[in-house]
Amino acid sequence: MPDSRALGAIGKKPRWPDRAALRFDFAVGKSGCPFRFWVTPAEVDCYRPQPVIPEFSGAGTKMGDPIELQANDLAAMLCSKICHDLINPVGAINNGLQALEDPGQAEMADLARQMVSNASKQALAKLEYARLAYGASSTAGTEFDTRECEKVARILFDIEKADLDWGITPVFLPKNKAKLMMNMLLIAISAVPRGGRITVNLVGEAGREAIEIVATSDPEQKQRTFLPQGVQELLAGTPEGGVEARNIQPFYTGLLARMSGMSVSAAIDGERFDITAVPAG
């Protein structure tokens, strides 16, 4: 008897008598290649990120000051964010492999292989990006080569709907500043979920460069530009409802800016979204 999730991977609805399953439909990258899989209620419960609302920490902390997360809370939320980003493609890979192992579904083998290939590409792109944006990476020393940042960004944009215009001349950036730029780029992607164009530039003298990222959309292409929910407060470190896994990424972006001696801000004007980091003071 084939596993019910394998059946879900090829479009047949699995049945659970007690609770409904969740169906996921994907169009991967610019090619829009579709695939579908189902997740059981048990899987949903296992991977649902649990909110962690921190209290203001430290004597003298005032309302309006950036929230200070304990290291374990920050690590837990970032790990939850990465798991949330990866569960869908990894689940799709598992579903496709199970479908390929089922001799009763041989006629769906080509579709299953395509699903595994697309989901693998998506998972790899997200992992490569997370390695630079969140982790220490394997890059030697305390600086990142922006050519490495560009390479990883282009891998990610292969699975995103927006197009990337990378305008940075190769240069070495302090590690936290490079991570700040990569996280700002993630926020810009979220501002144009239906596609558009995102430009990335460094402006100013060496050592005091400002990071300027602009996301634009074309309404004639049925694209829209949005201001990501709560992004301005999260960048400032002062979200009204606290911090949890679902909004940790823009909060972490603001934290990186403060660690780098920079001030980061975001604004929207019509179909244009700007996120900019400039040296503080």
C-alpha atoms as a PDB file:
ATOM      1  CA  MET A   1       0.000   0.000   0.000  1.00  0.00           C
ATOM      2  CA  PRO A   2       1.645   3.301  -1.015  1.00  0.00           C
ATOM      3  CA  ASP A   3       2.174   6.010   1.568  1.00  0.00           C
ATOM      4  CA  SER A   4      -0.659   8.554   1.461  1.00  0.00           C
ATOM      5  CA  ARG A   5       1.778  11.432   1.118  1.00  0.00           C
ATOM      6  CA  ALA A   6       3.226   9.843  -2.001  1.00  0.00           C
ATOM      7  CA  LEU A   7      -0.259   9.775  -3.466  1.00  0.00           C
ATOM      8  CA  GLY A   8      -0.595  13.429  -2.546  1.00  0.00           C
ATOM      9  CA  ALA A   9       2.592  14.175  -4.429  1.00  0.00           C
ATOM     10  CA  ILE A  10       1.002  13.096  -7.686  1.00  0.00           C
ATOM     11  CA  GLY A  11      -2.232  14.922  -7.120  1.00  0.00           C
ATOM     12  CA  LYS A  12      -4.487  12.332  -5.461  1.00  0.00           C
ATOM     13  CA  LYS A  13      -6.080  13.605  -2.294  1.00  0.00           C
ATOM     14  CA  PRO A  14      -5.202  11.538   0.794  1.00  0.00           C
ATOM     15  CA  ARG A  15      -7.915  10.904   3.353  1.00  0.00           C
ATOM     16  CA  TRP A  16      -7.714  11.252   7.099  1.00  0.00           C
ATOM     17  CA  PRO A  17     -10.960  10.521   8.929  1.00  0.00           C
ATOM     18  CA  ASP A  18     -10.458  12.848  11.863  1.00  0.00           C
ATOM     19  CA  ARG A  19      -8.853  16.048  10.559  1.00  0.00           C
ATOM     20  CA  ALA A  20      -8.383  17.703   7.193  1.00  0.00           C
ATOM     21  CA  ALA A  21      -5.019  17.774   5.430  1.00  0.00           C
ATOM     22  CA  LEU A  22      -3.400  20.867   3.977  1.00  0.00           C
ATOM     23  CA  ARG A  23      -2.760  21.062   0.248  1.00  0.00           C
ATOM     24  CA  PHE A  24       0.175  23.008  -1.151  1.00  0.00           C
ATOM     25  CA  ASP A  25       0.290  24.161  -4.771  1.00  0.00           C
ATOM     26  CA  PHE A  26       3.548  25.619  -6.069  1.00  0.00           C
ATOM     27  CA  ALA A  27       4.770  27.408  -9.161  1.00  0.00           C
ATOM     28  CA  VAL A  28       8.543  27.294  -8.872  1.00  0.00           C
ATOM     29  CA  GLY A  29      10.644  30.188 -10.103  1.00  0.00           C
ATOM     30  CA  LYS A  30      10.207  32.176 -13.277  1.00  0.00           C
ATOM     31  CA  SER A  31       9.252  29.073 -15.274  1.00  0.00           C
ATOM     32  CA  GLY A  32       6.156  28.658 -13.110  1.00  0.00           C
ATOM     33  CA  CYS A  33       6.461  24.845 -13.140  1.00  0.00           C
ATOM     34  CA  PRO A  34       3.545  23.605 -11.000  1.00  0.00           C
ATOM     35  CA  PHE A  35       3.516  20.807  -8.456  1.00  0.00           C
ATOM     36  CA  ARG A  36       1.381  19.852  -5.464  1.00  0.00           C
ATOM     37  CA  PHE A  37       1.750  17.951  -2.229  1.00  0.00           C
ATOM     38  CA  TRP A  38      -0.271  17.288   0.907  1.00  0.00           C
ATOM     39  CA  VAL A  39       0.773  17.606   4.535  1.00  0.00           C
ATOM     40  CA  THR A  40      -0.841  15.585   7.302  1.00  0.00           C
ATOM     41  CA  PRO A  41      -2.185  17.251  10.462  1.00  0.00           C
ATOM     42  CA  ALA A  42       0.625  15.630  12.465  1.00  0.00           C
ATOM     43  CA  GLU A  43       3.231  17.200  10.199  1.00  0.00           C
ATOM     44  CA  VAL A  44       1.561  20.595  10.462  1.00  0.00           C
ATOM     45  CA  ASP A  45       1.651  20.423  14.271  1.00  0.00           C
ATOM     46  CA  CYS A  46       5.305  19.350  14.223  1.00  0.00           C
ATOM     47  CA  TYR A  47       6.559  22.216  12.086  1.00  0.00           C
ATOM     48  CA  ARG A  48       4.315  25.078  13.219  1.00  0.00           C
ATOM     49  CA  PRO A  49       6.674  27.748  14.635  1.00  0.00           C
ATOM     50  CA  GLN A  50       5.895  28.561  18.252  1.00  0.00           C
ATOM     51  CA  PRO A  51       5.929  32.277  19.084  1.00  0.00           C
ATOM     52  CA  VAL A  52       8.435  33.544  21.605  1.00  0.00           C
ATOM     53  CA  ILE A  53       7.523  36.994  22.894  1.00  0.00           C
ATOM     54  CA  PRO A  54      10.492  38.423  24.788  1.00  0.00           C
ATOM     55  CA  GLU A  55      10.254  40.869  27.621  1.00  0.00           C
ATOM     56  CA  PHE A  56      12.308  44.040  27.711  1.00  0.00           C
ATOM     57  CA  SER A  57      15.641  43.007  29.159  1.00  0.00           C
ATOM     58  CA  GLY A  58      18.177  44.831  31.251  1.00  0.00           C
ATOM     59  CA  ALA A  59      17.826  47.537  33.841  1.00  0.00           C
ATOM     60  CA  GLY A  60      17.026  50.893  32.388  1.00  0.00           C
ATOM     61  CA  THR A  61      15.426  49.558  29.198  1.00  0.00           C
ATOM     62  CA  LYS A  62      12.744  52.000  28.103  1.00  0.00           C
ATOM     63  CA  MET A  63       9.740  51.736  25.859  1.00  0.00           C
ATOM     64  CA  GLY A  64      10.876  52.769  22.382  1.00  0.00           C
ATOM     65  CA  ASP A  65      14.344  51.271  22.797  1.00  0.00           C
ATOM     66  CA  PRO A  66      15.176  48.296  20.570  1.00  0.00           C
ATOM     67  CA  ILE A  67      14.158  44.965  22.037  1.00  0.00           C
ATOM     68  CA  GLU A  68      17.145  42.966  23.241  1.00  0.00           C
ATOM     69  CA  LEU A  69      16.743  39.247  22.604  1.00  0.00           C
ATOM     70  CA  GLN A  70      18.549  36.615  24.581  1.00  0.00           C
ATOM     71  CA  ALA A  71      20.996  34.690  22.394  1.00  0.00           C
ATOM     72  CA  ASN A  72      19.015  31.453  22.761  1.00  0.00           C
ATOM     73  CA  ASP A  73      15.768  33.173  21.707  1.00  0.00           C
ATOM     74  CA  LEU A  74      17.420  34.710  18.646  1.00  0.00           C
ATOM     75  CA  ALA A  75      18.961  31.377  17.662  1.00  0.00           C
ATOM     76  CA  ALA A  76      15.680  29.515  18.179  1.00  0.00           C
ATOM     77  CA  MET A  77      13.703  31.979  16.066  1.00  0.00           C
ATOM     78  CA  LEU A  78      16.228  31.999  13.217  1.00  0.00           C
ATOM     79  CA  CYS A  79      16.307  28.187  13.227  1.00  0.00           C
ATOM     80  CA  SER A  80      12.512  28.110  13.134  1.00  0.00           C
ATOM     81  CA  LYS A  81      12.528  30.585  10.237  1.00  0.00           C
ATOM     82  CA  ILE A  82      14.951  28.436   8.232  1.00  0.00           C
ATOM     83  CA  CYS A  83      12.938  25.277   8.953  1.00  0.00           C
ATOM     84  CA  HIS A  84       9.763  27.059   7.866  1.00  0.00           C
ATOM     85  CA  ASP A  85      11.413  28.083   4.584  1.00  0.00           C
ATOM     86  CA  LEU A  86      12.669  24.559   3.909  1.00  0.00           C
ATOM     87  CA  ILE A  87       9.800  22.322   4.990  1.00  0.00           C
ATOM     88  CA  ASN A  88       7.837  22.751   1.773  1.00  0.00           C
ATOM     89  CA  PRO A  89      10.593  21.900  -0.739  1.00  0.00           C
ATOM     90  CA  VAL A  90      12.028  19.141   1.463  1.00  0.00           C
ATOM     91  CA  GLY A  91       8.559  17.670   1.895  1.00  0.00           C
ATOM     92  CA  ALA A  92       8.041  17.791  -1.861  1.00  0.00           C
ATOM     93  CA  ILE A  93      11.336  15.943  -2.424  1.00  0.00           C
ATOM     94  CA  ASN A  94      10.221  13.239  -0.006  1.00  0.00           C
ATOM     95  CA  ASN A  95       6.834  12.956  -1.696  1.00  0.00           C
ATOM     96  CA  GLY A  96       8.369  12.684  -5.142  1.00  0.00           C
ATOM     97  CA  LEU A  97      10.803   9.987  -4.052  1.00  0.00           C
ATOM     98  CA  GLN A  98       8.004   7.989  -2.457  1.00  0.00           C
ATOM     99  CA  ALA A  99       6.000   8.255  -5.656  1.00  0.00           C
ATOM    100  CA  LEU A 100       8.990   6.973  -7.651  1.00  0.00           C
ATOM    101  CA  GLU A 101       9.289   3.982  -5.317  1.00  0.00           C
ATOM    102  CA  ASP A 102       5.646   3.016  -5.815  1.00  0.00           C
ATOM    103  CA  PRO A 103       5.403   0.531  -8.707  1.00  0.00           C
ATOM    104  CA  GLY A 104       1.700   1.258  -8.992  1.00  0.00           C
ATOM    105  CA  GLN A 105       2.399   4.851 -10.034  1.00  0.00           C
ATOM    106  CA  ALA A 106       4.910   4.199 -12.811  1.00  0.00           C
ATOM    107  CA  GLU A 107       2.950   6.381 -15.254  1.00  0.00           C
ATOM    108  CA  MET A 108       3.582   9.380 -12.990  1.00  0.00           C
ATOM    109  CA  ALA A 109       7.352   8.861 -12.800  1.00  0.00           C
ATOM    110  CA  ASP A 110       8.244  11.770 -15.093  1.00  0.00           C
ATOM    111  CA  LEU A 111       6.098  14.178 -13.069  1.00  0.00           C
ATOM    112  CA  ALA A 112       7.612  12.906  -9.820  1.00  0.00           C
ATOM    113  CA  ARG A 113      11.172  13.351 -11.161  1.00  0.00           C
ATOM    114  CA  GLN A 114      10.340  16.888 -12.252  1.00  0.00           C
ATOM    115  CA  MET A 115       8.937  17.639  -8.808  1.00  0.00           C
ATOM    116  CA  VAL A 116      12.047  16.301  -7.073  1.00  0.00           C
ATOM    117  CA  SER A 117      14.312  18.311  -9.402  1.00  0.00           C
ATOM    118  CA  ASN A 118      12.403  21.561  -8.882  1.00  0.00           C
ATOM    119  CA  ALA A 119      12.106  21.141  -5.121  1.00  0.00           C
ATOM    120  CA  SER A 120      15.808  20.244  -4.808  1.00  0.00           C
ATOM    121  CA  LYS A 121      16.742  23.422  -6.666  1.00  0.00           C
ATOM    122  CA  GLN A 122      14.494  25.453  -4.386  1.00  0.00           C
ATOM    123  CA  ALA A 123      15.881  23.892  -1.182  1.00  0.00           C
ATOM    124  CA  LEU A 124      19.493  24.331  -2.300  1.00  0.00           C
ATOM    125  CA  ALA A 125      18.948  27.987  -3.196  1.00  0.00           C
ATOM    126  CA  LYS A 126      17.377  28.715   0.195  1.00  0.00           C
ATOM    127  CA  LEU A 127      20.138  26.881   2.069  1.00  0.00           C
ATOM    128  CA  GLU A 128      22.923  28.630   0.151  1.00  0.00           C
ATOM    129  CA  TYR A 129      21.342  31.980   0.878  1.00  0.00           C
ATOM    130  CA  ALA A 130      20.740  31.211   4.564  1.00  0.00           C
ATOM    131  CA  ARG A 131      24.408  30.226   4.912  1.00  0.00           C
ATOM    132  CA  LEU A 132      25.429  33.802   4.034  1.00  0.00           C
ATOM    133  CA  ALA A 133      22.481  35.761   5.397  1.00  0.00           C
ATOM    134  CA  TYR A 134      22.232  34.071   8.818  1.00  0.00           C
ATOM    135  CA  GLY A 135      25.377  32.018   9.365  1.00  0.00           C
ATOM    136  CA  ALA A 136      29.092  32.605   9.649  1.00  0.00           C
ATOM    137  CA  SER A 137      29.600  30.905   6.280  1.00  0.00           C
ATOM    138  CA  SER A 138      32.848  29.264   5.232  1.00  0.00           C
ATOM    139  CA  THR A 139      34.238  32.550   3.930  1.00  0.00           C
ATOM    140  CA  ALA A 140      37.689  33.106   5.395  1.00  0.00           C
ATOM    141  CA  GLY A 141      38.449  36.099   7.604  1.00  0.00           C
ATOM    142  CA  THR A 142      36.085  38.807   8.743  1.00  0.00           C
ATOM    143  CA  GLU A 143      35.084  40.124   5.312  1.00  0.00           C
ATOM    144  CA  PHE A 144      32.841  38.905   2.511  1.00  0.00           C
ATOM    145  CA  ASP A 145      33.629  39.255  -1.167  1.00  0.00           C
ATOM    146  CA  THR A 146      30.580  40.820  -2.831  1.00  0.00           C
ATOM    147  CA  ARG A 147      31.147  38.491  -5.794  1.00  0.00           C
ATOM    148  CA  GLU A 148      30.210  35.602  -3.490  1.00  0.00           C
ATOM    149  CA  CYS A 149      27.151  37.561  -2.349  1.00  0.00           C
ATOM    150  CA  GLU A 150      26.127  38.131  -5.957  1.00  0.00           C
ATOM    151  CA  LYS A 151      26.576  34.463  -6.871  1.00  0.00           C
ATOM    152  CA  VAL A 152      24.379  33.302  -4.001  1.00  0.00           C
ATOM    153  CA  ALA A 153      21.797  36.011  -4.714  1.00  0.00           C
ATOM    154  CA  ARG A 154      21.497  34.936  -8.352  1.00  0.00           C
ATOM    155  CA  ILE A 155      20.963  31.328  -7.276  1.00  0.00           C
ATOM    156  CA  LEU A 156      18.064  32.497  -5.114  1.00  0.00           C
ATOM    157  CA  PHE A 157      16.597  34.683  -7.836  1.00  0.00           C
ATOM    158  CA  ASP A 158      16.443  31.655 -10.131  1.00  0.00           C
ATOM    159  CA  ILE A 159      13.546  30.445  -7.963  1.00  0.00           C
ATOM    160  CA  GLU A 160      12.014  33.880  -7.316  1.00  0.00           C
ATOM    161  CA  LYS A 161       9.636  35.747  -9.613  1.00  0.00           C
ATOM    162  CA  ALA A 162      11.524  39.041  -9.457  1.00  0.00           C
ATOM    163  CA  ASP A 163      14.588  39.877 -11.580  1.00  0.00           C
ATOM    164  CA  LEU A 164      17.877  40.991 -10.039  1.00  0.00           C
ATOM    165  CA  ASP A 165      19.930  43.983 -11.197  1.00  0.00           C
ATOM    166  CA  TRP A 166      23.211  43.755  -9.273  1.00  0.00           C
ATOM    167  CA  GLY A 167      25.067  47.054  -9.591  1.00  0.00           C
ATOM    168  CA  ILE A 168      27.922  46.494  -7.145  1.00  0.00           C
ATOM    169  CA  THR A 169      31.545  46.646  -8.258  1.00  0.00           C
ATOM    170  CA  PRO A 170      33.443  43.787  -6.552  1.00  0.00           C
ATOM    171  CA  VAL A 171      34.619  44.833  -3.109  1.00  0.00           C
ATOM    172  CA  PHE A 172      35.195  43.287   0.306  1.00  0.00           C
ATOM    173  CA  LEU A 173      32.690  44.191   3.023  1.00  0.00           C
ATOM    174  CA  PRO A 174      32.789  43.555   6.765  1.00  0.00           C
ATOM    175  CA  LYS A 175      30.943  40.323   7.484  1.00  0.00           C
ATOM    176  CA  ASN A 176      27.997  41.861   9.344  1.00  0.00           C
ATOM    177  CA  LYS A 177      27.587  44.571   6.705  1.00  0.00           C
ATOM    178  CA  ALA A 178      27.484  41.958   3.945  1.00  0.00           C
ATOM    179  CA  LYS A 179      24.945  39.915   5.939  1.00  0.00           C
ATOM    180  CA  LEU A 180      22.922  43.101   6.405  1.00  0.00           C
ATOM    181  CA  MET A 181      22.844  43.615   2.640  1.00  0.00           C
ATOM    182  CA  MET A 182      21.717  40.020   2.033  1.00  0.00           C
ATOM    183  CA  ASN A 183      18.930  40.355   4.585  1.00  0.00           C
ATOM    184  CA  MET A 184      17.818  43.690   3.126  1.00  0.00           C
ATOM    185  CA  LEU A 185      17.557  41.921  -0.216  1.00  0.00           C
ATOM    186  CA  LEU A 186      15.230  39.306   1.307  1.00  0.00           C
ATOM    187  CA  ILE A 187      12.930  42.089   2.506  1.00  0.00           C
ATOM    188  CA  ALA A 188      12.943  43.649  -0.963  1.00  0.00           C
ATOM    189  CA  ILE A 189      11.927  40.284  -2.454  1.00  0.00           C
ATOM    190  CA  SER A 190       8.971  40.111  -0.073  1.00  0.00           C
ATOM    191  CA  ALA A 191       7.857  43.565  -1.274  1.00  0.00           C
ATOM    192  CA  VAL A 192       7.274  42.302  -4.836  1.00  0.00           C
ATOM    193  CA  PRO A 193       5.874  38.764  -4.394  1.00  0.00           C
ATOM    194  CA  ARG A 194       4.291  38.711  -7.862  1.00  0.00           C
ATOM    195  CA  GLY A 195       7.501  39.696  -9.623  1.00  0.00           C
ATOM    196  CA  GLY A 196       9.294  42.878 -10.551  1.00  0.00           C
ATOM    197  CA  ARG A 197      12.838  44.206 -10.658  1.00  0.00           C
ATOM    198  CA  ILE A 198      15.194  44.621  -7.716  1.00  0.00           C
ATOM    199  CA  THR A 199      18.358  46.723  -7.939  1.00  0.00           C
ATOM    200  CA  VAL A 200      21.224  46.548  -5.449  1.00  0.00           C
ATOM    201  CA  ASN A 201      23.906  49.243  -5.110  1.00  0.00           C
ATOM    202  CA  LEU A 202      26.620  50.470  -2.778  1.00  0.00           C
ATOM    203  CA  VAL A 203      26.994  54.255  -2.676  1.00  0.00           C
ATOM    204  CA  GLY A 204      29.719  56.364  -1.076  1.00  0.00           C
ATOM    205  CA  GLU A 205      33.364  56.149  -0.080  1.00  0.00           C
ATOM    206  CA  ALA A 206      35.005  52.865   0.809  1.00  0.00           C
ATOM    207  CA  GLY A 207      34.407  51.915   4.410  1.00  0.00           C
ATOM    208  CA  ARG A 208      31.351  54.171   4.724  1.00  0.00           C
ATOM    209  CA  GLU A 209      29.220  52.836   1.896  1.00  0.00           C
ATOM    210  CA  ALA A 210      25.462  53.109   2.025  1.00  0.00           C
ATOM    211  CA  ILE A 211      23.430  50.104   0.866  1.00  0.00           C
ATOM    212  CA  GLU A 212      20.577  51.020  -1.462  1.00  0.00           C
ATOM    213  CA  ILE A 213      18.076  48.405  -2.633  1.00  0.00           C
ATOM    214  CA  VAL A 214      15.034  49.299  -4.734  1.00  0.00           C
ATOM    215  CA  ALA A 215      12.178  46.982  -5.688  1.00  0.00           C
ATOM    216  CA  THR A 216       9.744  48.037  -8.410  1.00  0.00           C
ATOM    217  CA  SER A 217       6.789  46.320 -10.040  1.00  0.00           C
ATOM    218  CA  ASP A 218       4.837  46.730 -13.267  1.00  0.00           C
ATOM    219  CA  PRO A 219       1.040  46.849 -12.830  1.00  0.00           C
ATOM    220  CA  GLU A 220       0.625  46.080 -16.528  1.00  0.00           C
ATOM    221  CA  GLN A 221       2.239  42.696 -15.786  1.00  0.00           C
ATOM    222  CA  LYS A 222      -0.228  42.196 -12.894  1.00  0.00           C
ATOM    223  CA  GLN A 223       2.570  42.906 -10.425  1.00  0.00           C
ATOM    224  CA  ARG A 224       2.196  44.829  -7.173  1.00  0.00           C
ATOM    225  CA  THR A 225       4.530  46.403  -4.667  1.00  0.00           C
ATOM    226  CA  PHE A 226       3.747  46.021  -0.968  1.00  0.00           C
ATOM    227  CA  LEU A 227       5.168  47.357   2.277  1.00  0.00           C
ATOM    228  CA  PRO A 228       5.933  44.150   4.226  1.00  0.00           C
ATOM    229  CA  GLN A 229       3.827  44.008   7.375  1.00  0.00           C
ATOM    230  CA  GLY A 230       5.444  45.745  10.348  1.00  0.00           C
ATOM    231  CA  VAL A 231       8.784  46.067   8.569  1.00  0.00           C
ATOM    232  CA  GLN A 232       9.576  49.607   9.726  1.00  0.00           C
ATOM    233  CA  GLU A 233       9.024  48.821  13.404  1.00  0.00           C
ATOM    234  CA  LEU A 234      10.893  45.529  13.100  1.00  0.00           C
ATOM    235  CA  LEU A 235      13.898  47.199  11.476  1.00  0.00           C
ATOM    236  CA  ALA A 236      13.921  49.720  14.319  1.00  0.00           C
ATOM    237  CA  GLY A 237      13.741  46.857  16.832  1.00  0.00           C
ATOM    238  CA  THR A 238      10.502  48.143  18.342  1.00  0.00           C
ATOM    239  CA  PRO A 239       7.632  45.953  17.079  1.00  0.00           C
ATOM    240  CA  GLU A 240       4.488  46.607  19.096  1.00  0.00           C
ATOM    241  CA  GLY A 241       3.603  42.929  19.426  1.00  0.00           C
ATOM    242  CA  GLY A 242       7.107  41.681  20.175  1.00  0.00           C
ATOM    243  CA  VAL A 243       9.220  39.342  18.099  1.00  0.00           C
ATOM    244  CA  GLU A 244       8.471  35.807  16.977  1.00  0.00           C
ATOM    245  CA  ALA A 245       9.730  33.362  14.365  1.00  0.00           C
ATOM    246  CA  ARG A 246       7.473  34.649  11.592  1.00  0.00           C
ATOM    247  CA  ASN A 247       8.897  38.196  11.807  1.00  0.00           C
ATOM    248  CA  ILE A 248      12.419  37.510  13.046  1.00  0.00           C
ATOM    249  CA  GLN A 249      14.098  38.134   9.673  1.00  0.00           C
ATOM    250  CA  PRO A 250      13.433  41.916   9.418  1.00  0.00           C
ATOM    251  CA  PHE A 251      14.138  42.252  13.148  1.00  0.00           C
ATOM    252  CA  TYR A 252      17.475  40.490  12.610  1.00  0.00           C
ATOM    253  CA  THR A 253      18.160  42.855   9.700  1.00  0.00           C
ATOM    254  CA  GLY A 254      17.801  45.833  12.021  1.00  0.00           C
ATOM    255  CA  LEU A 255      20.023  44.124  14.584  1.00  0.00           C
ATOM    256  CA  LEU A 256      22.745  43.619  11.957  1.00  0.00           C
ATOM    257  CA  ALA A 257      22.491  47.293  10.997  1.00  0.00           C
ATOM    258  CA  ARG A 258      23.016  48.420  14.592  1.00  0.00           C
ATOM    259  CA  MET A 259      25.934  45.997  14.965  1.00  0.00           C
ATOM    260  CA  SER A 260      27.448  47.506  11.800  1.00  0.00           C
ATOM    261  CA  GLY A 261      27.033  51.102  12.948  1.00  0.00           C
ATOM    262  CA  MET A 262      24.340  51.761  10.354  1.00  0.00           C
ATOM    263  CA  SER A 263      20.754  52.976  10.277  1.00  0.00           C
ATOM    264  CA  VAL A 264      18.322  51.025   8.101  1.00  0.00           C
ATOM    265  CA  SER A 265      14.931  52.242   6.893  1.00  0.00           C
ATOM    266  CA  ALA A 266      12.208  51.180   4.466  1.00  0.00           C
ATOM    267  CA  ALA A 267       9.573  53.166   2.577  1.00  0.00           C
ATOM    268  CA  ILE A 268       7.098  52.701  -0.247  1.00  0.00           C
ATOM    269  CA  ASP A 269       5.987  55.177  -2.887  1.00  0.00           C
ATOM    270  CA  GLY A 270       3.492  53.818  -5.374  1.00  0.00           C
ATOM    271  CA  GLU A 271       5.061  50.816  -7.080  1.00  0.00           C
ATOM    272  CA  ARG A 272       8.527  51.538  -5.667  1.00  0.00           C
ATOM    273  CA  PHE A 273       9.887  50.073  -2.429  1.00  0.00           C
ATOM    274  CA  ASP A 274      13.169  51.386  -1.007  1.00  0.00           C
ATOM    275  CA  ILE A 275      15.224  49.842   1.748  1.00  0.00           C
ATOM    276  CA  THR A 276      18.388  51.743   2.613  1.00  0.00           C
ATOM    277  CA  ALA A 277      21.162  51.452   5.177  1.00  0.00           C
ATOM    278  CA  VAL A 278      23.425  54.438   5.825  1.00  0.00           C
ATOM    279  CA  PRO A 279      26.243  54.985   8.343  1.00  0.00           C
ATOM    280  CA  ALA A 280      24.734  56.069  11.642  1.00  0.00           C
ATOM    281  CA  GLY A 281      25.496  59.573  12.843  1.00  0.00           C
END
